[in-house]
Amino acid sequence: MTTKRQLTLHFDTEVAAAIEVEAKKRGLNLSRAANDALRRALIDEAGEALADTVKARLDRLDKRDAARARELALIKEMLLLFVRVWFEYSGSLPDDDPDASANADVQFQGFLDMLAEQTG
């Protein structure tokens, strides 16, 4: 049950006329029409404004997240390229190493397999 509070309000002529038109159009008394109009203006629209603000902030966070994902993908590609080049141009492995005869592609694939095992 809602409690009602009586207030005495003084409206500009244009506002009072608009409330009367709204009341007639919707079949309400003036008090109910004014209450509904004020509720929409002060409460409902404030909630919508808050929702719009939250949506805008979430959109901004989503864009930041996408930008960070792109940056991480670039860093990953740079690191993998570095490792591949390092395998290609580093000196040969010691003769007692079982992978000494492996070329750079085989060494790089071995590196990727080892990386997948550790992260998986």
Protein backbone atom coordinates (compact mmCIF):
# COMPACT_ATOMS: atom_id res chain seq x y z
CA MET A 1 0.00 0.00 0.00
CA THR A 2 1.44 3.33 -1.00
CA THR A 3 1.02 6.35 1.15
CA LYS A 4 0.21 9.62 -0.46
CA ARG A 5 1.44 13.01 0.59
CA GLN A 6 -0.37 16.18 -0.22
CA LEU A 7 1.62 19.05 -1.71
CA THR A 8 0.50 22.39 -2.99
CA LEU A 9 2.23 23.15 -6.26
CA HIS A 10 2.08 26.18 -8.48
CA PHE A 11 2.62 25.46 -12.18
CA ASP A 12 3.27 27.81 -15.05
CA THR A 13 0.24 28.33 -17.28
CA GLU A 14 1.69 26.21 -20.09
CA VAL A 15 2.56 23.34 -17.75
CA ALA A 16 -0.87 23.42 -16.09
CA ALA A 17 -2.54 23.33 -19.52
CA ALA A 18 -0.38 20.38 -20.57
CA ILE A 19 -1.32 18.49 -17.38
CA GLU A 20 -5.01 19.17 -18.02
CA VAL A 21 -4.72 17.91 -21.60
CA GLU A 22 -2.88 14.79 -20.44
CA ALA A 23 -5.49 14.15 -17.73
CA LYS A 24 -8.38 14.45 -20.20
CA LYS A 25 -6.61 12.31 -22.80
CA ARG A 26 -5.92 9.49 -20.30
CA GLY A 27 -9.13 9.87 -18.28
CA LEU A 28 -7.35 10.76 -15.05
CA ASN A 29 -7.80 13.46 -12.46
CA LEU A 30 -5.28 16.31 -12.43
CA SER A 31 -3.43 15.01 -9.39
CA ARG A 32 -2.89 11.56 -10.94
CA ALA A 33 -1.84 13.03 -14.30
CA ALA A 34 0.67 15.37 -12.62
CA ASN A 35 1.97 12.53 -10.42
CA ASP A 36 2.48 10.26 -13.45
CA ALA A 37 4.22 13.00 -15.44
CA LEU A 38 6.56 13.84 -12.57
CA ARG A 39 7.29 10.15 -11.94
CA ARG A 40 8.27 9.68 -15.59
CA ALA A 41 10.43 12.80 -15.58
CA LEU A 42 12.12 12.40 -12.21
CA ILE A 43 12.27 8.68 -11.52
CA ASP A 44 11.87 6.61 -14.68
CA GLU A 45 14.09 8.76 -16.88
CA ALA A 46 16.72 8.91 -14.14
CA GLY A 47 16.82 5.11 -14.19
CA GLU A 48 17.15 5.13 -17.97
CA ALA A 49 19.96 7.68 -17.74
CA LEU A 50 21.76 5.45 -15.26
CA ALA A 51 21.29 2.46 -17.55
CA ASP A 52 22.65 4.49 -20.48
CA THR A 53 25.68 5.50 -18.40
CA VAL A 54 26.35 1.90 -17.39
CA LYS A 55 25.97 0.76 -21.01
CA ALA A 56 28.40 3.41 -22.23
CA ARG A 57 30.96 2.39 -19.60
CA LEU A 58 30.58 -1.29 -20.45
CA ASP A 59 31.05 -0.47 -24.15
CA ARG A 60 34.20 1.46 -23.30
CA LEU A 61 35.52 -1.47 -21.23
CA ASP A 62 34.71 -3.85 -24.09
CA LYS A 63 36.72 -1.69 -26.51
CA ARG A 64 39.64 -1.61 -24.07
CA ASP A 65 39.49 -5.38 -23.72
CA ALA A 66 39.52 -5.83 -27.50
CA ALA A 67 42.50 -3.47 -27.81
CA ARG A 68 44.39 -5.41 -25.13
CA ALA A 69 43.62 -8.69 -26.88
CA ARG A 70 45.06 -7.28 -30.11
CA GLU A 71 48.16 -6.08 -28.25
CA LEU A 72 48.66 -9.48 -26.63
CA ALA A 73 48.30 -11.21 -30.01
CA LEU A 74 50.97 -8.90 -31.44
CA ILE A 75 53.30 -9.55 -28.51
CA LYS A 76 52.81 -13.29 -28.94
CA GLU A 77 53.58 -13.07 -32.66
CA MET A 78 56.70 -10.97 -31.96
CA LEU A 79 57.96 -13.45 -29.37
CA LEU A 80 57.38 -16.43 -31.65
CA LEU A 81 59.11 -14.65 -34.52
CA PHE A 82 62.06 -13.88 -32.25
CA VAL A 83 62.35 -17.51 -31.16
CA ARG A 84 62.15 -18.73 -34.78
CA VAL A 85 64.88 -16.28 -35.87
CA TRP A 86 66.97 -17.19 -32.85
CA PHE A 87 66.79 -20.89 -33.79
CA GLU A 88 67.74 -20.05 -37.38
CA TYR A 89 70.74 -17.86 -36.58
CA SER A 90 72.02 -19.23 -33.30
CA GLY A 91 75.04 -21.39 -33.42
CA SER A 92 74.74 -25.12 -33.78
CA LEU A 93 74.01 -27.22 -30.75
CA PRO A 94 76.77 -29.12 -28.97
CA ASP A 95 77.60 -32.46 -30.55
CA ASP A 96 76.47 -34.43 -27.50
CA ASP A 97 72.92 -32.93 -27.77
CA PRO A 98 70.46 -35.38 -29.41
CA ASP A 99 68.83 -32.50 -31.32
CA ALA A 100 72.10 -31.33 -32.83
CA SER A 101 71.16 -32.47 -36.31
CA ALA A 102 67.72 -30.84 -36.20
CA ASN A 103 67.18 -27.80 -38.34
CA ALA A 104 65.57 -24.55 -37.15
CA ASP A 105 62.03 -25.60 -38.14
CA VAL A 106 62.25 -28.81 -36.16
CA GLN A 107 63.67 -26.96 -33.16
CA PHE A 108 60.91 -24.33 -33.41
CA GLN A 109 58.21 -27.02 -33.59
CA GLY A 110 59.78 -28.66 -30.55
CA PHE A 111 59.66 -25.31 -28.76
CA LEU A 112 55.97 -24.91 -29.63
CA ASP A 113 55.19 -28.45 -28.44
CA MET A 114 57.01 -27.81 -25.16
CA LEU A 115 55.13 -24.53 -24.74
CA ALA A 116 51.79 -26.23 -25.40
CA GLU A 117 52.54 -28.89 -22.79
CA GLN A 118 53.41 -26.33 -20.13
CA THR A 119 50.37 -24.09 -20.74
CA GLY A 120 47.87 -26.89 -21.33
